[in-house]
Amino acid sequence: MALRGGLRMETVDVYTERGDLVTCSDCGKVMLLPYGADKCPACKKEGCLAWTDESLREADIDSLLERHCNLHQKSELQPEEYLSLSILVTEYIPYLADKPQTAREILFLLLETGSLFEKYWRDTRCFQSENIYTPAIKTLLDKLDVKLREGDTIPVEY
């Protein structure tokens, strides 16, 4: 969204005190998101965020108020709401490991991470057994093992 007259902007959904000022190309929302966000928390689409204003990539609430932006405070986000799975499994493994989940949810994450592993392997043509997703896969497998030993079951549909 362009600045109007250099001073005014559409409403900005504020999820953090300081971060990246971005616009979603899918739903059109203008947002102040935590640094590094690559997923729109409004429409859940990945890869659709772009800088709202090249001269103000990173911002804070004060700088937006100085520009007379209309700020709309939103609730605090969980990492999976503004980060894609590929970022979560490479940079936030402890978050995934500590998050309470059922065996079914862990299996779903494991399968999704396996798909990322396969795509990464295809894209890089790397034949090494270790890659960026290996620690996350191991963590999720360990977590699934604990859940299954505790008696949490996975429906037959899997």
C-alpha atoms as a PDB file:
ATOM      1  CA  MET A   1       0.000   0.000   0.000  1.00  0.00           C
ATOM      2  CA  ALA A   2       1.312   3.394  -0.860  1.00  0.00           C
ATOM      3  CA  LEU A   3       1.625   6.235   1.556  1.00  0.00           C
ATOM      4  CA  ARG A   4      -0.987   8.904   0.945  1.00  0.00           C
ATOM      5  CA  GLY A   5       0.612  12.316   0.573  1.00  0.00           C
ATOM      6  CA  GLY A   6       3.728  10.893   2.227  1.00  0.00           C
ATOM      7  CA  LEU A   7       1.978  10.913   5.632  1.00  0.00           C
ATOM      8  CA  ARG A   8      -1.041   8.640   5.801  1.00  0.00           C
ATOM      9  CA  MET A   9      -1.413   4.930   5.322  1.00  0.00           C
ATOM     10  CA  GLU A  10      -4.179   2.403   5.406  1.00  0.00           C
ATOM     11  CA  THR A  11      -4.868   0.655   8.698  1.00  0.00           C
ATOM     12  CA  VAL A  12      -1.911  -1.380   9.946  1.00  0.00           C
ATOM     13  CA  ASP A  13      -2.628  -4.582  11.872  1.00  0.00           C
ATOM     14  CA  VAL A  14      -0.059  -4.542  14.672  1.00  0.00           C
ATOM     15  CA  TYR A  15       1.089  -7.925  16.000  1.00  0.00           C
ATOM     16  CA  THR A  16       4.323  -6.780  17.635  1.00  0.00           C
ATOM     17  CA  GLU A  17       5.932  -3.618  19.025  1.00  0.00           C
ATOM     18  CA  ARG A  18       8.660  -3.668  16.370  1.00  0.00           C
ATOM     19  CA  GLY A  19       9.227  -5.795  13.318  1.00  0.00           C
ATOM     20  CA  ASP A  20       8.700  -5.943   9.560  1.00  0.00           C
ATOM     21  CA  LEU A  21       6.128  -3.648   7.921  1.00  0.00           C
ATOM     22  CA  VAL A  22       4.621  -5.806   5.203  1.00  0.00           C
ATOM     23  CA  THR A  23       1.600  -6.141   2.948  1.00  0.00           C
ATOM     24  CA  CYS A  24       0.053  -9.463   1.955  1.00  0.00           C
ATOM     25  CA  SER A  25      -0.363  -9.800  -1.812  1.00  0.00           C
ATOM     26  CA  ASP A  26      -3.152 -12.333  -1.255  1.00  0.00           C
ATOM     27  CA  CYS A  27      -5.503 -10.616   1.222  1.00  0.00           C
ATOM     28  CA  GLY A  28      -4.167  -7.038   1.047  1.00  0.00           C
ATOM     29  CA  LYS A  29      -3.625  -6.623   4.806  1.00  0.00           C
ATOM     30  CA  VAL A  30      -0.901  -4.215   5.927  1.00  0.00           C
ATOM     31  CA  MET A  31       0.800  -5.581   9.043  1.00  0.00           C
ATOM     32  CA  LEU A  32       3.605  -5.041  11.499  1.00  0.00           C
ATOM     33  CA  LEU A  33       4.844  -8.606  12.024  1.00  0.00           C
ATOM     34  CA  PRO A  34       7.733 -10.114  13.980  1.00  0.00           C
ATOM     35  CA  TYR A  35      11.029  -9.979  12.111  1.00  0.00           C
ATOM     36  CA  GLY A  36      11.452 -12.691   9.501  1.00  0.00           C
ATOM     37  CA  ALA A  37       7.758 -13.436   9.016  1.00  0.00           C
ATOM     38  CA  ASP A  38       7.094 -15.305   5.770  1.00  0.00           C
ATOM     39  CA  LYS A  39       3.449 -16.281   6.273  1.00  0.00           C
ATOM     40  CA  CYS A  40       0.371 -14.062   6.490  1.00  0.00           C
ATOM     41  CA  PRO A  41      -1.431 -14.598   9.808  1.00  0.00           C
ATOM     42  CA  ALA A  42      -4.674 -13.246   8.320  1.00  0.00           C
ATOM     43  CA  CYS A  43      -5.088 -15.517   5.273  1.00  0.00           C
ATOM     44  CA  LYS A  44      -2.484 -18.195   6.246  1.00  0.00           C
ATOM     45  CA  LYS A  45      -0.777 -17.998   2.833  1.00  0.00           C
ATOM     46  CA  GLU A  46       3.003 -18.402   2.595  1.00  0.00           C
ATOM     47  CA  GLY A  47       5.342 -16.420   0.377  1.00  0.00           C
ATOM     48  CA  CYS A  48       2.929 -13.522  -0.132  1.00  0.00           C
ATOM     49  CA  LEU A  49       4.464 -10.854   2.121  1.00  0.00           C
ATOM     50  CA  ALA A  50       6.265  -7.868   0.636  1.00  0.00           C
ATOM     51  CA  TRP A  51       7.606  -4.654   2.117  1.00  0.00           C
ATOM     52  CA  THR A  52       4.828  -2.086   2.359  1.00  0.00           C
ATOM     53  CA  ASP A  53       7.243   0.823   1.942  1.00  0.00           C
ATOM     54  CA  GLU A  54      10.835   0.319   0.780  1.00  0.00           C
ATOM     55  CA  SER A  55      11.960   3.280   2.901  1.00  0.00           C
ATOM     56  CA  LEU A  56      10.373   1.786   6.026  1.00  0.00           C
ATOM     57  CA  ARG A  57      11.026  -1.963   5.900  1.00  0.00           C
ATOM     58  CA  GLU A  58      11.424  -2.379   9.634  1.00  0.00           C
ATOM     59  CA  ALA A  59       9.251  -0.279  11.876  1.00  0.00           C
ATOM     60  CA  ASP A  60       7.980   0.133  15.388  1.00  0.00           C
ATOM     61  CA  ILE A  61       4.738   1.471  16.784  1.00  0.00           C
ATOM     62  CA  ASP A  62       6.206   4.938  17.386  1.00  0.00           C
ATOM     63  CA  SER A  63       7.434   5.319  13.793  1.00  0.00           C
ATOM     64  CA  LEU A  64       4.003   4.289  12.505  1.00  0.00           C
ATOM     65  CA  LEU A  65       2.282   6.772  14.808  1.00  0.00           C
ATOM     66  CA  GLU A  66       4.662   9.507  13.578  1.00  0.00           C
ATOM     67  CA  ARG A  67       3.436   8.759  10.058  1.00  0.00           C
ATOM     68  CA  HIS A  68      -0.173   9.052  11.283  1.00  0.00           C
ATOM     69  CA  CYS A  69      -0.988   5.436  10.562  1.00  0.00           C
ATOM     70  CA  ASN A  70      -4.225   3.970  11.836  1.00  0.00           C
ATOM     71  CA  LEU A  71      -3.032   1.139  14.099  1.00  0.00           C
ATOM     72  CA  HIS A  72      -5.191  -1.880  14.844  1.00  0.00           C
ATOM     73  CA  GLN A  73      -3.811  -3.924  17.760  1.00  0.00           C
ATOM     74  CA  LYS A  74      -4.035  -7.669  17.151  1.00  0.00           C
ATOM     75  CA  SER A  75      -3.461 -10.527  19.578  1.00  0.00           C
ATOM     76  CA  GLU A  76       0.012 -11.959  20.039  1.00  0.00           C
ATOM     77  CA  LEU A  77       0.953 -14.582  17.469  1.00  0.00           C
ATOM     78  CA  GLN A  78       2.354 -18.053  17.917  1.00  0.00           C
ATOM     79  CA  PRO A  79       5.347 -18.736  15.618  1.00  0.00           C
ATOM     80  CA  GLU A  80       3.379 -21.141  13.390  1.00  0.00           C
ATOM     81  CA  GLU A  81       0.946 -18.303  12.603  1.00  0.00           C
ATOM     82  CA  TYR A  82       3.566 -16.110  10.884  1.00  0.00           C
ATOM     83  CA  LEU A  83       6.351 -18.570   9.985  1.00  0.00           C
ATOM     84  CA  SER A  84       6.189 -21.266   7.338  1.00  0.00           C
ATOM     85  CA  LEU A  85       6.919 -24.851   8.324  1.00  0.00           C
ATOM     86  CA  SER A  86      10.288 -24.700   6.544  1.00  0.00           C
ATOM     87  CA  ILE A  87      11.378 -21.850   8.860  1.00  0.00           C
ATOM     88  CA  LEU A  88       9.895 -23.498  11.951  1.00  0.00           C
ATOM     89  CA  VAL A  89      11.691 -26.805  11.392  1.00  0.00           C
ATOM     90  CA  THR A  90      15.044 -25.183  10.664  1.00  0.00           C
ATOM     91  CA  GLU A  91      15.077 -22.334  13.187  1.00  0.00           C
ATOM     92  CA  TYR A  92      12.517 -23.153  15.890  1.00  0.00           C
ATOM     93  CA  ILE A  93      13.041 -26.853  16.649  1.00  0.00           C
ATOM     94  CA  PRO A  94      12.866 -26.293  20.450  1.00  0.00           C
ATOM     95  CA  TYR A  95       9.476 -24.605  19.975  1.00  0.00           C
ATOM     96  CA  LEU A  96       8.187 -27.616  18.046  1.00  0.00           C
ATOM     97  CA  ALA A  97       9.655 -30.016  20.593  1.00  0.00           C
ATOM     98  CA  ASP A  98       8.106 -28.248  23.595  1.00  0.00           C
ATOM     99  CA  LYS A  99       4.694 -27.541  22.080  1.00  0.00           C
ATOM    100  CA  PRO A 100       1.986 -29.873  23.432  1.00  0.00           C
ATOM    101  CA  GLN A 101       0.655 -31.990  20.578  1.00  0.00           C
ATOM    102  CA  THR A 102      -1.142 -35.251  20.055  1.00  0.00           C
ATOM    103  CA  ALA A 103       0.539 -38.163  18.313  1.00  0.00           C
ATOM    104  CA  ARG A 104      -1.639 -37.434  15.285  1.00  0.00           C
ATOM    105  CA  GLU A 105      -0.475 -33.795  15.153  1.00  0.00           C
ATOM    106  CA  ILE A 106       3.150 -34.851  15.517  1.00  0.00           C
ATOM    107  CA  LEU A 107       2.765 -37.398  12.716  1.00  0.00           C
ATOM    108  CA  PHE A 108       1.239 -34.729  10.475  1.00  0.00           C
ATOM    109  CA  LEU A 109       4.207 -32.409  11.175  1.00  0.00           C
ATOM    110  CA  LEU A 110       6.607 -35.265  10.565  1.00  0.00           C
ATOM    111  CA  LEU A 111       5.010 -36.066   7.200  1.00  0.00           C
ATOM    112  CA  GLU A 112       5.056 -32.385   6.199  1.00  0.00           C
ATOM    113  CA  THR A 113       8.706 -32.085   7.255  1.00  0.00           C
ATOM    114  CA  GLY A 114       9.470 -35.250   5.269  1.00  0.00           C
ATOM    115  CA  SER A 115       7.953 -33.569   2.210  1.00  0.00           C
ATOM    116  CA  LEU A 116      10.194 -30.550   2.769  1.00  0.00           C
ATOM    117  CA  PHE A 117      13.176 -32.904   3.149  1.00  0.00           C
ATOM    118  CA  GLU A 118      12.319 -34.542  -0.181  1.00  0.00           C
ATOM    119  CA  LYS A 119      11.862 -31.196  -1.958  1.00  0.00           C
ATOM    120  CA  TYR A 120      15.113 -29.861  -0.498  1.00  0.00           C
ATOM    121  CA  TRP A 121      16.925 -33.000  -1.620  1.00  0.00           C
ATOM    122  CA  ARG A 122      15.463 -32.744  -5.137  1.00  0.00           C
ATOM    123  CA  ASP A 123      16.300 -29.019  -5.389  1.00  0.00           C
ATOM    124  CA  THR A 124      19.887 -29.358  -4.147  1.00  0.00           C
ATOM    125  CA  ARG A 125      20.653 -32.831  -5.531  1.00  0.00           C
ATOM    126  CA  CYS A 126      22.660 -33.289  -2.361  1.00  0.00           C
ATOM    127  CA  PHE A 127      23.393 -36.954  -1.637  1.00  0.00           C
ATOM    128  CA  GLN A 128      24.570 -36.422   1.931  1.00  0.00           C
ATOM    129  CA  SER A 129      22.457 -38.124   4.581  1.00  0.00           C
ATOM    130  CA  GLU A 130      22.335 -34.977   6.723  1.00  0.00           C
ATOM    131  CA  ASN A 131      20.579 -31.817   5.653  1.00  0.00           C
ATOM    132  CA  ILE A 132      18.791 -28.859   7.215  1.00  0.00           C
ATOM    133  CA  TYR A 133      15.675 -30.901   8.061  1.00  0.00           C
ATOM    134  CA  THR A 134      17.400 -33.861   9.748  1.00  0.00           C
ATOM    135  CA  PRO A 135      17.422 -32.371  13.294  1.00  0.00           C
ATOM    136  CA  ALA A 136      13.716 -31.528  13.066  1.00  0.00           C
ATOM    137  CA  ILE A 137      12.822 -35.005  11.780  1.00  0.00           C
ATOM    138  CA  LYS A 138      14.798 -36.619  14.588  1.00  0.00           C
ATOM    139  CA  THR A 139      13.163 -34.344  17.188  1.00  0.00           C
ATOM    140  CA  LEU A 140       9.673 -35.087  15.879  1.00  0.00           C
ATOM    141  CA  LEU A 141      10.356 -38.841  15.721  1.00  0.00           C
ATOM    142  CA  ASP A 142      11.555 -38.787  19.343  1.00  0.00           C
ATOM    143  CA  LYS A 143       8.487 -36.803  20.361  1.00  0.00           C
ATOM    144  CA  LEU A 144       6.181 -39.205  18.511  1.00  0.00           C
ATOM    145  CA  ASP A 145       7.899 -42.172  20.167  1.00  0.00           C
ATOM    146  CA  VAL A 146       7.227 -40.686  23.629  1.00  0.00           C
ATOM    147  CA  LYS A 147       3.576 -40.014  22.782  1.00  0.00           C
ATOM    148  CA  LEU A 148       3.041 -43.554  21.490  1.00  0.00           C
ATOM    149  CA  ARG A 149       4.704 -45.042  24.589  1.00  0.00           C
ATOM    150  CA  GLU A 150       2.365 -42.925  26.739  1.00  0.00           C
ATOM    151  CA  GLY A 151      -0.575 -44.588  25.008  1.00  0.00           C
ATOM    152  CA  ASP A 152      -1.566 -41.808  22.610  1.00  0.00           C
ATOM    153  CA  THR A 153      -2.850 -43.509  19.485  1.00  0.00           C
ATOM    154  CA  ILE A 154      -2.979 -42.600  15.816  1.00  0.00           C
ATOM    155  CA  PRO A 155      -6.241 -43.371  13.978  1.00  0.00           C
ATOM    156  CA  VAL A 156      -6.199 -46.202  11.450  1.00  0.00           C
ATOM    157  CA  GLU A 157      -6.692 -43.745   8.583  1.00  0.00           C
ATOM    158  CA  TYR A 158      -2.934 -43.212   8.672  1.00  0.00           C
END
